[in-house]
Amino acid sequence: MRRVNARPACVLTRYGCIRLGWVFAASSDAYTALELVDATRVLRAEDEQVDWFDMSDRLGLFAIPGNETNTVGERRAARYFTNPFSPWKTRSMNPGF
C-alpha cells in the first residue's frame, strides 16, 4: 500500500491515522502489486480500516466491502487508514511472531 492524500479536515488524519491506497505495478494491471518480504523485517502487524467516508461517497451509505463487486475500478479507488488506536503486538512483545 502507499500513502494517498488526506481528506481536508479529516479527524482520523488529525489523530495520527495514515490514509492508504493499493499499489499497482502498471497502469494496466487488474490486481495489486505483491512484494516478497523477509519475515525478519516485519516489526509488527498493523490494523488497517476501510475509509468508510470515501466508500460511502462512491457507493452509497449502505455499502460495505462484502456487498460490493470486486472490480478493477473499485480496487483502484479503495482507501484505507492505519489504526493507531488499536493495540498491536510487536516482535519484541511476541517473539514467535
PDB file of N, CA and C in Angstrom:
ATOM      1  N   MET A   1       0.852  -1.169   0.000  1.00  0.00           N
ATOM      2  CA  MET A   1       0.000   0.000   0.000  1.00  0.00           C
ATOM      3  C   MET A   1       0.895   1.229   0.000  1.00  0.00           C
ATOM      4  N   ARG A   2       0.328   2.345  -0.399  1.00  0.00           N
ATOM      5  CA  ARG A   2       1.053   3.609  -0.464  1.00  0.00           C
ATOM      6  C   ARG A   2       0.214   4.706   0.193  1.00  0.00           C
ATOM      7  N   ARG A   3       0.898   5.754   0.623  1.00  0.00           N
ATOM      8  CA  ARG A   3       0.181   6.911   1.178  1.00  0.00           C
ATOM      9  C   ARG A   3      -0.553   7.625   0.054  1.00  0.00           C
ATOM     10  N   VAL A   4      -1.750   8.111   0.365  1.00  0.00           N
ATOM     11  CA  VAL A   4      -2.514   8.945  -0.566  1.00  0.00           C
ATOM     12  C   VAL A   4      -2.915  10.219   0.169  1.00  0.00           C
ATOM     13  N   ASN A   5      -3.368  11.196  -0.565  1.00  0.00           N
ATOM     14  CA  ASN A   5      -3.737  12.479   0.040  1.00  0.00           C
ATOM     15  C   ASN A   5      -4.836  12.304   1.083  1.00  0.00           C
ATOM     16  N   ALA A   6      -4.679  13.018   2.174  1.00  0.00           N
ATOM     17  CA  ALA A   6      -5.694  13.010   3.230  1.00  0.00           C
ATOM     18  C   ALA A   6      -6.863  13.889   2.808  1.00  0.00           C
ATOM     19  N   ARG A   7      -8.033  13.595   3.348  1.00  0.00           N
ATOM     20  CA  ARG A   7      -9.199  14.449   3.104  1.00  0.00           C
ATOM     21  C   ARG A   7      -9.054  15.714   3.949  1.00  0.00           C
ATOM     22  N   PRO A   8      -9.513  16.851   3.434  1.00  0.00           N
ATOM     23  CA  PRO A   8      -9.461  18.079   4.236  1.00  0.00           C
ATOM     24  C   PRO A   8     -10.265  17.917   5.537  1.00  0.00           C
ATOM     25  N   ALA A   9      -9.713  18.381   6.625  1.00  0.00           N
ATOM     26  CA  ALA A   9     -10.355  18.363   7.943  1.00  0.00           C
ATOM     27  C   ALA A   9     -10.713  16.957   8.418  1.00  0.00           C
ATOM     28  N   CYS A  10      -9.965  15.958   7.995  1.00  0.00           N
ATOM     29  CA  CYS A  10     -10.235  14.573   8.396  1.00  0.00           C
ATOM     30  C   CYS A  10      -9.787  14.347   9.836  1.00  0.00           C
ATOM     31  N   VAL A  11     -10.698  13.918  10.681  1.00  0.00           N
ATOM     32  CA  VAL A  11     -10.392  13.708  12.096  1.00  0.00           C
ATOM     33  C   VAL A  11      -9.406  12.553  12.276  1.00  0.00           C
ATOM     34  N   LEU A  12      -9.478  11.522  11.444  1.00  0.00           N
ATOM     35  CA  LEU A  12      -8.543  10.404  11.582  1.00  0.00           C
ATOM     36  C   LEU A  12      -7.112  10.846  11.306  1.00  0.00           C
ATOM     37  N   THR A  13      -6.916  11.665  10.288  1.00  0.00           N
ATOM     38  CA  THR A  13      -5.580  12.176   9.985  1.00  0.00           C
ATOM     39  C   THR A  13      -5.080  13.051  11.126  1.00  0.00           C
ATOM     40  N   ARG A  14      -5.967  13.842  11.697  1.00  0.00           N
ATOM     41  CA  ARG A  14      -5.587  14.720  12.809  1.00  0.00           C
ATOM     42  C   ARG A  14      -5.057  13.918  13.997  1.00  0.00           C
ATOM     43  N   TYR A  15      -5.576  12.710  14.182  1.00  0.00           N
ATOM     44  CA  TYR A  15      -5.151  11.886  15.321  1.00  0.00           C
ATOM     45  C   TYR A  15      -4.144  10.810  14.953  1.00  0.00           C
ATOM     46  N   GLY A  16      -3.462  10.970  13.821  1.00  0.00           N
ATOM     47  CA  GLY A  16      -2.329  10.106  13.516  1.00  0.00           C
ATOM     48  C   GLY A  16      -2.566   8.963  12.555  1.00  0.00           C
ATOM     49  N   CYS A  17      -3.773   8.805  12.033  1.00  0.00           N
ATOM     50  CA  CYS A  17      -4.019   7.755  11.054  1.00  0.00           C
ATOM     51  C   CYS A  17      -3.416   8.180   9.710  1.00  0.00           C
ATOM     52  N   ILE A  18      -2.934   7.217   8.953  1.00  0.00           N
ATOM     53  CA  ILE A  18      -2.363   7.483   7.640  1.00  0.00           C
ATOM     54  C   ILE A  18      -3.291   6.891   6.598  1.00  0.00           C
ATOM     55  N   ARG A  19      -3.675   7.688   5.596  1.00  0.00           N
ATOM     56  CA  ARG A  19      -4.576   7.239   4.537  1.00  0.00           C
ATOM     57  C   ARG A  19      -3.770   6.514   3.471  1.00  0.00           C
ATOM     58  N   LEU A  20      -4.253   5.339   3.058  1.00  0.00           N
ATOM     59  CA  LEU A  20      -3.529   4.474   2.139  1.00  0.00           C
ATOM     60  C   LEU A  20      -4.370   4.055   0.951  1.00  0.00           C
ATOM     61  N   GLY A  21      -3.710   3.703  -0.131  1.00  0.00           N
ATOM     62  CA  GLY A  21      -4.350   3.129  -1.304  1.00  0.00           C
ATOM     63  C   GLY A  21      -3.495   1.981  -1.819  1.00  0.00           C
ATOM     64  N   TRP A  22      -4.076   1.106  -2.611  1.00  0.00           N
ATOM     65  CA  TRP A  22      -3.341  -0.034  -3.151  1.00  0.00           C
ATOM     66  C   TRP A  22      -2.313   0.413  -4.184  1.00  0.00           C
ATOM     67  N   VAL A  23      -1.232  -0.341  -4.305  1.00  0.00           N
ATOM     68  CA  VAL A  23      -0.198  -0.094  -5.313  1.00  0.00           C
ATOM     69  C   VAL A  23      -0.401  -1.081  -6.448  1.00  0.00           C
ATOM     70  N   PHE A  24      -0.364  -0.562  -7.674  1.00  0.00           N
ATOM     71  CA  PHE A  24      -0.434  -1.385  -8.878  1.00  0.00           C
ATOM     72  C   PHE A  24       0.887  -1.224  -9.613  1.00  0.00           C
ATOM     73  N   ALA A  25       1.481  -2.332 -10.057  1.00  0.00           N
ATOM     74  CA  ALA A  25       2.785  -2.276 -10.714  1.00  0.00           C
ATOM     75  C   ALA A  25       2.722  -1.498 -12.029  1.00  0.00           C
ATOM     76  N   ALA A  26       1.629  -1.624 -12.761  1.00  0.00           N
ATOM     77  CA  ALA A  26       1.462  -0.912 -14.031  1.00  0.00           C
ATOM     78  C   ALA A  26       0.037  -0.384 -14.117  1.00  0.00           C
ATOM     79  N   SER A  27      -0.167   0.630 -14.919  1.00  0.00           N
ATOM     80  CA  SER A  27      -1.498   1.231 -15.032  1.00  0.00           C
ATOM     81  C   SER A  27      -2.518   0.272 -15.639  1.00  0.00           C
ATOM     82  N   SER A  28      -2.059  -0.751 -16.333  1.00  0.00           N
ATOM     83  CA  SER A  28      -2.974  -1.716 -16.955  1.00  0.00           C
ATOM     84  C   SER A  28      -3.261  -2.926 -16.062  1.00  0.00           C
ATOM     85  N   ASP A  29      -2.595  -3.030 -14.917  1.00  0.00           N
ATOM     86  CA  ASP A  29      -2.785  -4.183 -14.032  1.00  0.00           C
ATOM     87  C   ASP A  29      -4.164  -4.182 -13.396  1.00  0.00           C
ATOM     88  N   ALA A  30      -4.761  -5.381 -13.306  1.00  0.00           N
ATOM     89  CA  ALA A  30      -6.079  -5.528 -12.686  1.00  0.00           C
ATOM     90  C   ALA A  30      -5.981  -5.793 -11.187  1.00  0.00           C
ATOM     91  N   TYR A  31      -4.839  -6.297 -10.731  1.00  0.00           N
ATOM     92  CA  TYR A  31      -4.666  -6.618  -9.314  1.00  0.00           C
ATOM     93  C   TYR A  31      -3.439  -5.908  -8.756  1.00  0.00           C
ATOM     94  N   THR A  32      -3.416  -5.783  -7.463  1.00  0.00           N
ATOM     95  CA  THR A  32      -2.356  -5.046  -6.786  1.00  0.00           C
ATOM     96  C   THR A  32      -1.012  -5.745  -6.925  1.00  0.00           C
ATOM     97  N   ALA A  33       0.037  -4.953  -6.753  1.00  0.00           N
ATOM     98  CA  ALA A  33       1.401  -5.477  -6.811  1.00  0.00           C
ATOM     99  C   ALA A  33       1.697  -6.258  -5.529  1.00  0.00           C
ATOM    100  N   LEU A  34       2.500  -7.284  -5.653  1.00  0.00           N
ATOM    101  CA  LEU A  34       2.935  -8.064  -4.494  1.00  0.00           C
ATOM    102  C   LEU A  34       4.442  -7.942  -4.351  1.00  0.00           C
ATOM    103  N   GLU A  35       4.897  -7.962  -3.129  1.00  0.00           N
ATOM    104  CA  GLU A  35       6.330  -7.896  -2.874  1.00  0.00           C
ATOM    105  C   GLU A  35       6.685  -8.964  -1.848  1.00  0.00           C
ATOM    106  N   LEU A  36       7.730  -9.704  -2.123  1.00  0.00           N
ATOM    107  CA  LEU A  36       8.207 -10.705  -1.183  1.00  0.00           C
ATOM    108  C   LEU A  36       9.029  -9.997  -0.113  1.00  0.00           C
ATOM    109  N   VAL A  37       8.653 -10.190   1.143  1.00  0.00           N
ATOM    110  CA  VAL A  37       9.325  -9.530   2.258  1.00  0.00           C
ATOM    111  C   VAL A  37       9.852 -10.593   3.205  1.00  0.00           C
ATOM    112  N   ASP A  38      11.099 -10.454   3.587  1.00  0.00           N
ATOM    113  CA  ASP A  38      11.703 -11.354   4.563  1.00  0.00           C
ATOM    114  C   ASP A  38      10.987 -11.156   5.902  1.00  0.00           C
ATOM    115  N   ALA A  39      10.470 -12.222   6.477  1.00  0.00           N
ATOM    116  CA  ALA A  39       9.682 -12.136   7.714  1.00  0.00           C
ATOM    117  C   ALA A  39      10.465 -11.520   8.874  1.00  0.00           C
ATOM    118  N   THR A  40      11.784 -11.597   8.847  1.00  0.00           N
ATOM    119  CA  THR A  40      12.565 -10.986   9.933  1.00  0.00           C
ATOM    120  C   THR A  40      12.519  -9.463   9.869  1.00  0.00           C
ATOM    121  N   ARG A  41      12.090  -8.900   8.740  1.00  0.00           N
ATOM    122  CA  ARG A  41      11.962  -7.447   8.608  1.00  0.00           C
ATOM    123  C   ARG A  41      10.622  -6.936   9.125  1.00  0.00           C
ATOM    124  N   VAL A  42       9.683  -7.828   9.415  1.00  0.00           N
ATOM    125  CA  VAL A  42       8.371  -7.430   9.904  1.00  0.00           C
ATOM    126  C   VAL A  42       8.488  -7.119  11.398  1.00  0.00           C
ATOM    127  N   LEU A  43       8.184  -5.878  11.762  1.00  0.00           N
ATOM    128  CA  LEU A  43       8.309  -5.462  13.155  1.00  0.00           C
ATOM    129  C   LEU A  43       7.012  -5.619  13.935  1.00  0.00           C
ATOM    130  N   ARG A  44       5.884  -5.417  13.263  1.00  0.00           N
ATOM    131  CA  ARG A  44       4.603  -5.555  13.936  1.00  0.00           C
ATOM    132  C   ARG A  44       3.492  -5.652  12.889  1.00  0.00           C
ATOM    133  N   ALA A  45       2.360  -6.124  13.331  1.00  0.00           N
ATOM    134  CA  ALA A  45       1.183  -6.192  12.473  1.00  0.00           C
ATOM    135  C   ALA A  45       0.395  -4.901  12.651  1.00  0.00           C
ATOM    136  N   GLU A  46       0.039  -4.251  11.565  1.00  0.00           N
ATOM    137  CA  GLU A  46      -0.751  -3.023  11.612  1.00  0.00           C
ATOM    138  C   GLU A  46      -2.218  -3.352  11.386  1.00  0.00           C
ATOM    139  N   ASP A  47      -3.079  -2.666  12.089  1.00  0.00           N
ATOM    140  CA  ASP A  47      -4.508  -2.795  11.865  1.00  0.00           C
ATOM    141  C   ASP A  47      -4.903  -1.719  10.859  1.00  0.00           C
ATOM    142  N   GLU A  48      -5.542  -2.119   9.778  1.00  0.00           N
ATOM    143  CA  GLU A  48      -5.984  -1.164   8.764  1.00  0.00           C
ATOM    144  C   GLU A  48      -7.495  -1.220   8.654  1.00  0.00           C
ATOM    145  N   GLN A  49      -8.102  -0.062   8.485  1.00  0.00           N
ATOM    146  CA  GLN A  49      -9.551   0.067   8.421  1.00  0.00           C
ATOM    147  C   GLN A  49      -9.957   0.688   7.091  1.00  0.00           C
ATOM    148  N   VAL A  50     -11.113   0.305   6.601  1.00  0.00           N
ATOM    149  CA  VAL A  50     -11.659   0.901   5.381  1.00  0.00           C
ATOM    150  C   VAL A  50     -11.950   2.376   5.634  1.00  0.00           C
ATOM    151  N   ASP A  51     -11.700   3.218   4.651  1.00  0.00           N
ATOM    152  CA  ASP A  51     -12.089   4.626   4.714  1.00  0.00           C
ATOM    153  C   ASP A  51     -13.580   4.669   4.385  1.00  0.00           C
ATOM    154  N   TRP A  52     -14.404   4.543   5.412  1.00  0.00           N
ATOM    155  CA  TRP A  52     -15.854   4.425   5.233  1.00  0.00           C
ATOM    156  C   TRP A  52     -16.456   5.672   4.598  1.00  0.00           C
ATOM    157  N   PHE A  53     -15.939   6.839   4.942  1.00  0.00           N
ATOM    158  CA  PHE A  53     -16.456   8.088   4.384  1.00  0.00           C
ATOM    159  C   PHE A  53     -16.273   8.084   2.866  1.00  0.00           C
ATOM    160  N   ASP A  54     -15.075   7.719   2.425  1.00  0.00           N
ATOM    161  CA  ASP A  54     -14.776   7.658   0.999  1.00  0.00           C
ATOM    162  C   ASP A  54     -15.636   6.604   0.301  1.00  0.00           C
ATOM    163  N   MET A  55     -15.772   5.442   0.907  1.00  0.00           N
ATOM    164  CA  MET A  55     -16.561   4.360   0.309  1.00  0.00           C
ATOM    165  C   MET A  55     -18.029   4.754   0.166  1.00  0.00           C
ATOM    166  N   SER A  56     -18.584   5.387   1.182  1.00  0.00           N
ATOM    167  CA  SER A  56     -19.997   5.780   1.092  1.00  0.00           C
ATOM    168  C   SER A  56     -20.196   6.908   0.080  1.00  0.00           C
ATOM    169  N   ASP A  57     -19.204   7.766  -0.101  1.00  0.00           N
ATOM    170  CA  ASP A  57     -19.287   8.790  -1.149  1.00  0.00           C
ATOM    171  C   ASP A  57     -19.365   8.150  -2.533  1.00  0.00           C
ATOM    172  N   ARG A  58     -18.575   7.106  -2.756  1.00  0.00           N
ATOM    173  CA  ARG A  58     -18.526   6.448  -4.067  1.00  0.00           C
ATOM    174  C   ARG A  58     -19.696   5.518  -4.307  1.00  0.00           C
ATOM    175  N   LEU A  59     -20.081   4.738  -3.275  1.00  0.00           N
ATOM    176  CA  LEU A  59     -21.001   3.614  -3.488  1.00  0.00           C
ATOM    177  C   LEU A  59     -22.320   3.719  -2.735  1.00  0.00           C
ATOM    178  N   GLY A  60     -22.487   4.721  -1.921  1.00  0.00           N
ATOM    179  CA  GLY A  60     -23.728   4.882  -1.190  1.00  0.00           C
ATOM    180  C   GLY A  60     -23.566   4.573   0.288  1.00  0.00           C
ATOM    181  N   LEU A  61     -24.525   5.023   1.065  1.00  0.00           N
ATOM    182  CA  LEU A  61     -24.471   4.941   2.516  1.00  0.00           C
ATOM    183  C   LEU A  61     -24.409   3.509   3.047  1.00  0.00           C
ATOM    184  N   PHE A  62     -25.031   2.562   2.368  1.00  0.00           N
ATOM    185  CA  PHE A  62     -25.102   1.196   2.887  1.00  0.00           C
ATOM    186  C   PHE A  62     -24.042   0.269   2.304  1.00  0.00           C
ATOM    187  N   ALA A  63     -23.072   0.806   1.612  1.00  0.00           N
ATOM    188  CA  ALA A  63     -22.014  -0.014   1.017  1.00  0.00           C
ATOM    189  C   ALA A  63     -21.063  -0.530   2.087  1.00  0.00           C
ATOM    190  N   ILE A  64     -20.707  -1.785   1.988  1.00  0.00           N
ATOM    191  CA  ILE A  64     -19.657  -2.395   2.792  1.00  0.00           C
ATOM    192  C   ILE A  64     -18.834  -3.270   1.847  1.00  0.00           C
ATOM    193  N   PRO A  65     -17.576  -3.544   2.171  1.00  0.00           N
ATOM    194  CA  PRO A  65     -16.748  -4.325   1.251  1.00  0.00           C
ATOM    195  C   PRO A  65     -17.367  -5.668   0.854  1.00  0.00           C
ATOM    196  N   GLY A  66     -18.092  -6.304   1.737  1.00  0.00           N
ATOM    197  CA  GLY A  66     -18.661  -7.618   1.458  1.00  0.00           C
ATOM    198  C   GLY A  66     -19.830  -7.620   0.498  1.00  0.00           C
ATOM    199  N   ASN A  67     -20.504  -6.476   0.315  1.00  0.00           N
ATOM    200  CA  ASN A  67     -21.664  -6.486  -0.580  1.00  0.00           C
ATOM    201  C   ASN A  67     -21.414  -5.724  -1.884  1.00  0.00           C
ATOM    202  N   GLU A  68     -20.176  -5.370  -2.155  1.00  0.00           N
ATOM    203  CA  GLU A  68     -19.828  -4.684  -3.398  1.00  0.00           C
ATOM    204  C   GLU A  68     -18.997  -5.600  -4.285  1.00  0.00           C
ATOM    205  N   THR A  69     -19.142  -5.425  -5.587  1.00  0.00           N
ATOM    206  CA  THR A  69     -18.360  -6.247  -6.509  1.00  0.00           C
ATOM    207  C   THR A  69     -16.902  -5.809  -6.480  1.00  0.00           C
ATOM    208  N   ASN A  70     -16.021  -6.765  -6.641  1.00  0.00           N
ATOM    209  CA  ASN A  70     -14.587  -6.532  -6.581  1.00  0.00           C
ATOM    210  C   ASN A  70     -14.076  -6.234  -7.993  1.00  0.00           C
ATOM    211  N   THR A  71     -14.313  -5.024  -8.468  1.00  0.00           N
ATOM    212  CA  THR A  71     -13.910  -4.643  -9.813  1.00  0.00           C
ATOM    213  C   THR A  71     -12.546  -3.964  -9.790  1.00  0.00           C
ATOM    214  N   VAL A  72     -11.928  -3.853 -10.952  1.00  0.00           N
ATOM    215  CA  VAL A  72     -10.647  -3.162 -11.061  1.00  0.00           C
ATOM    216  C   VAL A  72     -10.806  -1.710 -10.598  1.00  0.00           C
ATOM    217  N   GLY A  73     -11.874  -1.054 -11.037  1.00  0.00           N
ATOM    218  CA  GLY A  73     -12.101   0.336 -10.642  1.00  0.00           C
ATOM    219  C   GLY A  73     -12.240   0.502  -9.147  1.00  0.00           C
ATOM    220  N   GLU A  74     -12.936  -0.426  -8.491  1.00  0.00           N
ATOM    221  CA  GLU A  74     -13.107  -0.339  -7.040  1.00  0.00           C
ATOM    222  C   GLU A  74     -11.793  -0.601  -6.320  1.00  0.00           C
ATOM    223  N   ARG A  75     -11.006  -1.556  -6.801  1.00  0.00           N
ATOM    224  CA  ARG A  75      -9.695  -1.805  -6.179  1.00  0.00           C
ATOM    225  C   ARG A  75      -8.813  -0.569  -6.274  1.00  0.00           C
ATOM    226  N   ARG A  76      -8.856   0.117  -7.406  1.00  0.00           N
ATOM    227  CA  ARG A  76      -8.035   1.319  -7.582  1.00  0.00           C
ATOM    228  C   ARG A  76      -8.550   2.491  -6.745  1.00  0.00           C
ATOM    229  N   ALA A  77      -9.848   2.560  -6.530  1.00  0.00           N
ATOM    230  CA  ALA A  77     -10.440   3.678  -5.778  1.00  0.00           C
ATOM    231  C   ALA A  77     -10.442   3.458  -4.269  1.00  0.00           C
ATOM    232  N   ALA A  78     -10.338   2.218  -3.808  1.00  0.00           N
ATOM    233  CA  ALA A  78     -10.448   1.899  -2.380  1.00  0.00           C
ATOM    234  C   ALA A  78      -9.378   2.623  -1.566  1.00  0.00           C
ATOM    235  N   ARG A  79      -9.778   3.123  -0.414  1.00  0.00           N
ATOM    236  CA  ARG A  79      -8.867   3.803   0.507  1.00  0.00           C
ATOM    237  C   ARG A  79      -9.009   3.196   1.893  1.00  0.00           C
ATOM    238  N   TYR A  80      -7.913   3.233   2.640  1.00  0.00           N
ATOM    239  CA  TYR A  80      -7.836   2.636   3.966  1.00  0.00           C
ATOM    240  C   TYR A  80      -7.112   3.590   4.898  1.00  0.00           C
ATOM    241  N   PHE A  81      -7.199   3.315   6.188  1.00  0.00           N
ATOM    242  CA  PHE A  81      -6.454   4.056   7.197  1.00  0.00           C
ATOM    243  C   PHE A  81      -5.713   3.076   8.089  1.00  0.00           C
ATOM    244  N   THR A  82      -4.526   3.476   8.510  1.00  0.00           N
ATOM    245  CA  THR A  82      -3.897   2.745   9.606  1.00  0.00           C
ATOM    246  C   THR A  82      -4.708   3.075  10.849  1.00  0.00           C
ATOM    247  N   ASN A  83      -4.682   2.202  11.811  1.00  0.00           N
ATOM    248  CA  ASN A  83      -5.475   2.410  13.020  1.00  0.00           C
ATOM    249  C   ASN A  83      -4.544   2.472  14.231  1.00  0.00           C
ATOM    250  N   PRO A  84      -4.091   3.674  14.619  1.00  0.00           N
ATOM    251  CA  PRO A  84      -3.179   3.773  15.751  1.00  0.00           C
ATOM    252  C   PRO A  84      -3.861   3.574  17.097  1.00  0.00           C
ATOM    253  N   PHE A  85      -5.188   3.476  17.110  1.00  0.00           N
ATOM    254  CA  PHE A  85      -5.915   3.316  18.366  1.00  0.00           C
ATOM    255  C   PHE A  85      -6.030   1.859  18.786  1.00  0.00           C
ATOM    256  N   SER A  86      -5.786   0.949  17.860  1.00  0.00           N
ATOM    257  CA  SER A  86      -5.903  -0.479  18.152  1.00  0.00           C
ATOM    258  C   SER A  86      -4.551  -1.011  18.589  1.00  0.00           C
ATOM    259  N   PRO A  87      -4.496  -1.716  19.706  1.00  0.00           N
ATOM    260  CA  PRO A  87      -3.199  -2.256  20.142  1.00  0.00           C
ATOM    261  C   PRO A  87      -2.714  -3.332  19.182  1.00  0.00           C
ATOM    262  N   TRP A  88      -1.450  -3.412  19.013  1.00  0.00           N
ATOM    263  CA  TRP A  88      -0.858  -4.447  18.174  1.00  0.00           C
ATOM    264  C   TRP A  88       0.310  -5.060  18.914  1.00  0.00           C
ATOM    265  N   LYS A  89       0.742  -6.166  18.424  1.00  0.00           N
ATOM    266  CA  LYS A  89       1.865  -6.867  19.049  1.00  0.00           C
ATOM    267  C   LYS A  89       3.123  -6.619  18.231  1.00  0.00           C
ATOM    268  N   THR A  90       4.167  -6.168  18.888  1.00  0.00           N
ATOM    269  CA  THR A  90       5.442  -6.027  18.207  1.00  0.00           C
ATOM    270  C   THR A  90       6.191  -7.343  18.327  1.00  0.00           C
ATOM    271  N   ARG A  91       7.221  -7.489  17.526  1.00  0.00           N
ATOM    272  CA  ARG A  91       8.034  -8.707  17.578  1.00  0.00           C
ATOM    273  C   ARG A  91       8.651  -8.874  18.961  1.00  0.00           C
ATOM    274  N   SER A  92       9.060  -7.786  19.611  1.00  0.00           N
ATOM    275  CA  SER A  92       9.678  -7.905  20.933  1.00  0.00           C
ATOM    276  C   SER A  92       8.674  -8.357  21.993  1.00  0.00           C
ATOM    277  N   MET A  93       7.384  -8.037  21.801  1.00  0.00           N
ATOM    278  CA  MET A  93       6.351  -8.466  22.747  1.00  0.00           C
ATOM    279  C   MET A  93       5.898  -9.887  22.478  1.00  0.00           C
ATOM    280  N   ASN A  94       6.081 -10.341  21.266  1.00  0.00           N
ATOM    281  CA  ASN A  94       5.604 -11.661  20.848  1.00  0.00           C
ATOM    282  C   ASN A  94       6.704 -12.328  20.017  1.00  0.00           C
ATOM    283  N   PRO A  95       7.743 -12.872  20.665  1.00  0.00           N
ATOM    284  CA  PRO A  95       8.916 -13.371  19.947  1.00  0.00           C
ATOM    285  C   PRO A  95       8.627 -14.430  18.873  1.00  0.00           C
ATOM    286  N   GLY A  96       7.560 -15.173  18.985  1.00  0.00           N
ATOM    287  CA  GLY A  96       7.247 -16.189  17.976  1.00  0.00           C
ATOM    288  C   GLY A  96       6.552 -15.622  16.747  1.00  0.00           C
ATOM    289  N   PHE A  97       6.299 -14.327  16.721  1.00  0.00           N
ATOM    290  CA  PHE A  97       5.581 -13.669  15.622  1.00  0.00           C
ATOM    291  C   PHE A  97       6.348 -13.785  14.326  1.00  0.00           C
TER     292      PHE A  97
END
